[in-house]
Amino acid sequence: MNDTASSVLRGSVVEEELTLTTVELCRASSTSESHVEMWVAEGVLEPSGASREEWRFSGRSLARMRIASRLARDLEINSPGVALALDLLDEIERLEARLRRRS
C-alpha cells in the first residue's frame, strides 16, 4: 500500500491517553451506539469497564471506530470483514515498526 492510501485508511493521530464514554465516542465518530456495540462484539473495539454503562474507550478506539465505519460504509464490508481488515492493518503496522527498528 502506498503512503497516500495508508494515510487515508489510518486517519489522524489521536492521543492515546484520551478516554471517551460510549456517547462521546459516538459523537466523535458520527456513529450510533448500536455500531459501537457491534464493533465491541466483533472485537474491533476493546473498552475498559465491566458493564456497557461503564465502558471507556481510548483514543486508539476512536481511530479504529472511524476506520471501521469507513470500511463498512465505503467498501460495504461486513462486520467480520472489517474486524479482519483492522487486524491485518495492525499487523502491517507492527511489521513496519519492526523493520524500522532493524534499519
Protein backbone atom coordinates (compact mmCIF):
# COMPACT_ATOMS: atom_id res chain seq x y z
CA MET A 1 0.00 0.00 0.00
CA ASN A 2 1.42 3.39 -0.89
CA ASP A 3 1.80 6.24 1.63
CA THR A 4 -1.30 8.08 0.40
CA ALA A 5 -3.56 5.04 0.71
CA SER A 6 -2.05 4.21 4.07
CA SER A 7 -2.74 7.68 5.48
CA VAL A 8 -6.30 7.65 4.14
CA LEU A 9 -7.05 4.33 5.84
CA ARG A 10 -5.38 5.13 9.12
CA GLY A 11 -6.72 8.65 9.61
CA SER A 12 -5.43 11.19 12.05
CA VAL A 13 -3.35 10.56 15.15
CA VAL A 14 -5.32 10.71 18.37
CA GLU A 15 -3.85 10.97 21.85
CA GLU A 16 -3.55 7.56 23.48
CA GLU A 17 -4.33 8.96 26.95
CA LEU A 18 -7.74 10.18 25.80
CA THR A 19 -10.71 8.30 27.29
CA LEU A 20 -14.23 8.54 25.95
CA THR A 21 -17.61 7.31 27.10
CA THR A 22 -19.81 5.50 24.61
CA VAL A 23 -21.79 8.69 23.97
CA GLU A 24 -18.60 10.72 23.42
CA LEU A 25 -17.21 8.05 21.09
CA CYS A 26 -20.44 8.10 19.08
CA ARG A 27 -20.36 11.88 18.77
CA ALA A 28 -16.68 11.99 17.85
CA SER A 29 -17.05 9.28 15.19
CA SER A 30 -20.54 10.22 13.97
CA THR A 31 -21.87 6.72 14.64
CA SER A 32 -24.63 5.18 16.71
CA GLU A 33 -24.41 3.26 19.98
CA SER A 34 -25.57 0.14 18.14
CA HIS A 35 -22.49 0.41 15.91
CA VAL A 36 -20.26 0.70 18.98
CA GLU A 37 -21.89 -2.38 20.49
CA MET A 38 -21.45 -4.27 17.21
CA TRP A 39 -17.76 -3.34 16.95
CA VAL A 40 -17.19 -4.36 20.59
CA ALA A 41 -18.86 -7.72 19.89
CA GLU A 42 -16.63 -8.19 16.82
CA GLY A 43 -13.50 -7.34 18.80
CA VAL A 44 -12.79 -4.19 16.81
CA LEU A 45 -13.11 -2.06 19.97
CA GLU A 46 -11.95 -3.12 23.41
CA PRO A 47 -13.45 -0.89 26.09
CA SER A 48 -12.43 -0.85 29.71
CA GLY A 49 -15.21 -1.20 32.27
CA ALA A 50 -17.28 -4.10 33.50
CA SER A 51 -20.64 -3.11 32.02
CA ARG A 52 -21.86 -1.21 28.98
CA GLU A 53 -22.64 1.79 31.18
CA GLU A 54 -19.05 1.81 32.47
CA TRP A 55 -17.34 1.38 29.10
CA ARG A 56 -14.48 3.79 28.41
CA PHE A 57 -12.67 3.93 25.10
CA SER A 58 -9.14 5.08 24.31
CA GLY A 59 -8.06 7.48 21.60
CA ARG A 60 -6.95 4.43 19.65
CA SER A 61 -10.54 3.15 19.81
CA LEU A 62 -11.74 6.39 18.26
CA ALA A 63 -9.31 5.99 15.36
CA ARG A 64 -10.34 2.33 14.91
CA MET A 65 -14.03 3.28 15.03
CA ARG A 66 -13.55 5.85 12.28
CA ILE A 67 -11.68 3.36 10.10
CA ALA A 68 -14.25 0.62 10.76
CA SER A 69 -17.08 2.95 9.83
CA ARG A 70 -15.38 3.98 6.58
CA LEU A 71 -14.61 0.39 5.61
CA ALA A 72 -18.19 -0.68 6.27
CA ARG A 73 -19.75 2.33 4.54
CA ASP A 74 -17.42 2.99 1.63
CA LEU A 75 -16.37 -0.56 0.76
CA GLU A 76 -19.53 -2.29 2.01
CA ILE A 77 -17.51 -4.75 4.08
CA ASN A 78 -19.47 -6.76 6.66
CA SER A 79 -18.59 -6.71 10.38
CA PRO A 80 -16.33 -9.80 10.44
CA GLY A 81 -14.57 -8.48 7.32
CA VAL A 82 -13.96 -5.12 8.96
CA ALA A 83 -12.54 -6.85 12.05
CA LEU A 84 -10.22 -8.89 9.82
CA ALA A 85 -9.15 -5.83 7.82
CA LEU A 86 -8.29 -3.95 11.02
CA ASP A 87 -6.33 -6.93 12.35
CA LEU A 88 -4.37 -7.03 9.10
CA LEU A 89 -3.71 -3.26 9.24
CA ASP A 90 -2.46 -3.70 12.83
CA GLU A 91 -0.14 -6.50 11.71
CA ILE A 92 1.22 -4.37 8.86
CA GLU A 93 1.87 -1.58 11.36
CA ARG A 94 3.73 -3.98 13.71
CA LEU A 95 5.84 -5.33 10.85
CA GLU A 96 6.67 -1.83 9.59
CA ALA A 97 7.75 -0.82 13.12
CA ARG A 98 9.92 -3.93 13.33
CA LEU A 99 11.56 -3.08 10.02
CA ARG A 100 12.23 0.49 11.17
CA ARG A 101 13.93 -0.81 14.33
CA ARG A 102 16.22 -3.03 12.22
CA SER A 103 17.21 -0.18 9.91
